[in-house]
């Protein structure tokens, strides 16, 4: 049975272009925002966030040249948000490290 690391590695392998990563990093939170807004009865705003998020994901996969991972199974509906969180964490950790000079 695949582990979480296996799923994240596979997801990472299919999201290599920076444009797709950015579209997913914005699109997935938009989808969640749409779901939350829907619960609070902000229908039009919720629909905009939800549809806009999905549009970004499909556009990213069109650019990448592959199909969304969730077509292979519903577990990827959970892997996507975890992958975005990991990408953001990795980005912030890289930015926080001091640059090492090659002269030393």
C-alpha atoms as a PDB file:
ATOM      1  CA  UNK A   1       0.000   0.000   0.000  1.00  0.00           C
ATOM      2  CA  UNK A   2       1.451   3.417  -0.935  1.00  0.00           C
ATOM      3  CA  UNK A   3       2.529   5.748   1.846  1.00  0.00           C
ATOM      4  CA  UNK A   4       1.810   9.462   2.073  1.00  0.00           C
ATOM      5  CA  UNK A   5       5.364  10.125   0.861  1.00  0.00           C
ATOM      6  CA  UNK A   6       4.710   7.910  -2.183  1.00  0.00           C
ATOM      7  CA  UNK A   7       1.568   9.851  -3.064  1.00  0.00           C
ATOM      8  CA  UNK A   8       3.300  13.210  -2.575  1.00  0.00           C
ATOM      9  CA  UNK A   9       6.261  12.112  -4.711  1.00  0.00           C
ATOM     10  CA  UNK A  10       3.928  11.006  -7.498  1.00  0.00           C
ATOM     11  CA  UNK A  11       1.949  14.247  -7.251  1.00  0.00           C
ATOM     12  CA  UNK A  12       5.197  16.231  -7.305  1.00  0.00           C
ATOM     13  CA  UNK A  13       6.345  14.332 -10.398  1.00  0.00           C
ATOM     14  CA  UNK A  14       3.216  15.436 -12.283  1.00  0.00           C
ATOM     15  CA  UNK A  15       3.475  19.085 -11.210  1.00  0.00           C
ATOM     16  CA  UNK A  16       6.893  20.203 -12.409  1.00  0.00           C
ATOM     17  CA  UNK A  17       6.311  23.465 -14.273  1.00  0.00           C
ATOM     18  CA  UNK A  18       6.424  26.599 -12.141  1.00  0.00           C
ATOM     19  CA  UNK A  19       3.234  27.890 -13.781  1.00  0.00           C
ATOM     20  CA  UNK A  20       1.326  24.738 -12.825  1.00  0.00           C
ATOM     21  CA  UNK A  21       2.664  24.910  -9.276  1.00  0.00           C
ATOM     22  CA  UNK A  22       1.541  28.525  -8.922  1.00  0.00           C
ATOM     23  CA  UNK A  23      -1.893  27.792 -10.413  1.00  0.00           C
ATOM     24  CA  UNK A  24      -2.324  24.881  -7.991  1.00  0.00           C
ATOM     25  CA  UNK A  25      -1.018  26.902  -5.038  1.00  0.00           C
ATOM     26  CA  UNK A  26      -3.729  29.488  -5.687  1.00  0.00           C
ATOM     27  CA  UNK A  27      -6.448  27.253  -7.155  1.00  0.00           C
ATOM     28  CA  UNK A  28      -6.654  24.650  -4.386  1.00  0.00           C
ATOM     29  CA  UNK A  29      -7.112  27.257  -1.601  1.00  0.00           C
ATOM     30  CA  UNK A  30      -9.729  28.988  -3.803  1.00  0.00           C
ATOM     31  CA  UNK A  31     -11.692  25.745  -4.018  1.00  0.00           C
ATOM     32  CA  UNK A  32     -11.587  25.363  -0.231  1.00  0.00           C
ATOM     33  CA  UNK A  33     -12.564  29.005   0.242  1.00  0.00           C
ATOM     34  CA  UNK A  34     -15.514  28.405  -2.073  1.00  0.00           C
ATOM     35  CA  UNK A  35     -16.632  25.421  -0.004  1.00  0.00           C
ATOM     36  CA  UNK A  36     -16.376  27.381   3.240  1.00  0.00           C
ATOM     37  CA  UNK A  37     -18.207  30.389   1.805  1.00  0.00           C
ATOM     38  CA  UNK A  38     -20.924  28.036   0.565  1.00  0.00           C
ATOM     39  CA  UNK A  39     -21.485  26.879   4.155  1.00  0.00           C
ATOM     40  CA  UNK A  40     -22.073  30.483   5.192  1.00  0.00           C
ATOM     41  CA  UNK A  41     -24.570  31.047   2.356  1.00  0.00           C
ATOM     42  CA  UNK A  42     -22.434  33.403   0.268  1.00  0.00           C
ATOM     43  CA  UNK A  43     -23.564  31.562  -2.862  1.00  0.00           C
ATOM     44  CA  UNK A  44     -22.268  33.829  -5.625  1.00  0.00           C
ATOM     45  CA  UNK A  45     -18.892  34.447  -4.037  1.00  0.00           C
ATOM     46  CA  UNK A  46     -18.600  30.758  -3.199  1.00  0.00           C
ATOM     47  CA  UNK A  47     -19.393  29.760  -6.774  1.00  0.00           C
ATOM     48  CA  UNK A  48     -16.815  32.210  -8.104  1.00  0.00           C
ATOM     49  CA  UNK A  49     -14.041  30.938  -5.858  1.00  0.00           C
ATOM     50  CA  UNK A  50     -14.963  27.298  -6.454  1.00  0.00           C
ATOM     51  CA  UNK A  51     -15.228  27.572 -10.253  1.00  0.00           C
ATOM     52  CA  UNK A  52     -12.185  29.843 -10.492  1.00  0.00           C
ATOM     53  CA  UNK A  53     -10.102  27.395  -8.462  1.00  0.00           C
ATOM     54  CA  UNK A  54     -11.046  24.472 -10.698  1.00  0.00           C
ATOM     55  CA  UNK A  55     -10.360  26.561 -13.781  1.00  0.00           C
ATOM     56  CA  UNK A  56      -6.836  27.260 -12.494  1.00  0.00           C
ATOM     57  CA  UNK A  57      -6.220  23.561 -11.846  1.00  0.00           C
ATOM     58  CA  UNK A  58      -7.365  22.476 -15.293  1.00  0.00           C
ATOM     59  CA  UNK A  59      -5.384  25.280 -16.920  1.00  0.00           C
ATOM     60  CA  UNK A  60      -2.283  24.145 -15.013  1.00  0.00           C
ATOM     61  CA  UNK A  61      -2.730  20.593 -16.250  1.00  0.00           C
ATOM     62  CA  UNK A  62      -3.238  21.804 -19.791  1.00  0.00           C
ATOM     63  CA  UNK A  63       0.067  23.666 -19.534  1.00  0.00           C
ATOM     64  CA  UNK A  64       1.729  20.630 -17.935  1.00  0.00           C
ATOM     65  CA  UNK A  65       0.308  18.304 -20.572  1.00  0.00           C
ATOM     66  CA  UNK A  66      -1.214  15.714 -18.247  1.00  0.00           C
ATOM     67  CA  UNK A  67      -4.488  14.879 -16.537  1.00  0.00           C
ATOM     68  CA  UNK A  68      -5.416  15.830 -12.957  1.00  0.00           C
ATOM     69  CA  UNK A  69      -4.369  13.215 -10.428  1.00  0.00           C
ATOM     70  CA  UNK A  70      -7.852  12.885  -8.931  1.00  0.00           C
ATOM     71  CA  UNK A  71      -8.932  11.006 -12.073  1.00  0.00           C
ATOM     72  CA  UNK A  72      -6.895   8.091 -10.663  1.00  0.00           C
ATOM     73  CA  UNK A  73      -8.644   8.078  -7.313  1.00  0.00           C
ATOM     74  CA  UNK A  74     -10.389  10.168  -4.657  1.00  0.00           C
ATOM     75  CA  UNK A  75      -7.352  10.061  -2.343  1.00  0.00           C
ATOM     76  CA  UNK A  76      -5.828  12.780  -4.515  1.00  0.00           C
ATOM     77  CA  UNK A  77      -8.499  15.213  -3.345  1.00  0.00           C
ATOM     78  CA  UNK A  78      -6.607  15.070  -0.029  1.00  0.00           C
ATOM     79  CA  UNK A  79      -3.104  14.813  -1.482  1.00  0.00           C
ATOM     80  CA  UNK A  80      -3.481  18.060  -3.464  1.00  0.00           C
ATOM     81  CA  UNK A  81      -3.943  20.315  -0.411  1.00  0.00           C
ATOM     82  CA  UNK A  82      -1.147  18.502   1.434  1.00  0.00           C
ATOM     83  CA  UNK A  83       1.143  18.986  -1.565  1.00  0.00           C
ATOM     84  CA  UNK A  84       0.339  22.724  -1.669  1.00  0.00           C
ATOM     85  CA  UNK A  85       1.118  23.013   2.058  1.00  0.00           C
ATOM     86  CA  UNK A  86       4.430  21.174   1.508  1.00  0.00           C
ATOM     87  CA  UNK A  87       5.348  23.428  -1.442  1.00  0.00           C
ATOM     88  CA  UNK A  88       4.629  26.564   0.580  1.00  0.00           C
ATOM     89  CA  UNK A  89       6.624  25.226   3.544  1.00  0.00           C
ATOM     90  CA  UNK A  90       9.571  24.326   1.296  1.00  0.00           C
ATOM     91  CA  UNK A  91       9.459  27.761  -0.356  1.00  0.00           C
ATOM     92  CA  UNK A  92       9.432  29.580   2.971  1.00  0.00           C
ATOM     93  CA  UNK A  93      12.280  27.456   4.339  1.00  0.00           C
ATOM     94  CA  UNK A  94      14.411  28.129   1.254  1.00  0.00           C
ATOM     95  CA  UNK A  95      13.777  31.872   1.528  1.00  0.00           C
ATOM     96  CA  UNK A  96      14.691  31.896   5.216  1.00  0.00           C
ATOM     97  CA  UNK A  97      18.137  30.378   4.733  1.00  0.00           C
ATOM     98  CA  UNK A  98      21.056  32.757   4.444  1.00  0.00           C
ATOM     99  CA  UNK A  99      22.940  32.647   1.169  1.00  0.00           C
ATOM    100  CA  UNK A 100      26.320  30.933   1.353  1.00  0.00           C
ATOM    101  CA  UNK A 101      29.050  32.598  -0.640  1.00  0.00           C
ATOM    102  CA  UNK A 102      30.958  30.378  -3.062  1.00  0.00           C
ATOM    103  CA  UNK A 103      34.175  32.291  -2.188  1.00  0.00           C
ATOM    104  CA  UNK A 104      34.519  30.691   1.230  1.00  0.00           C
END
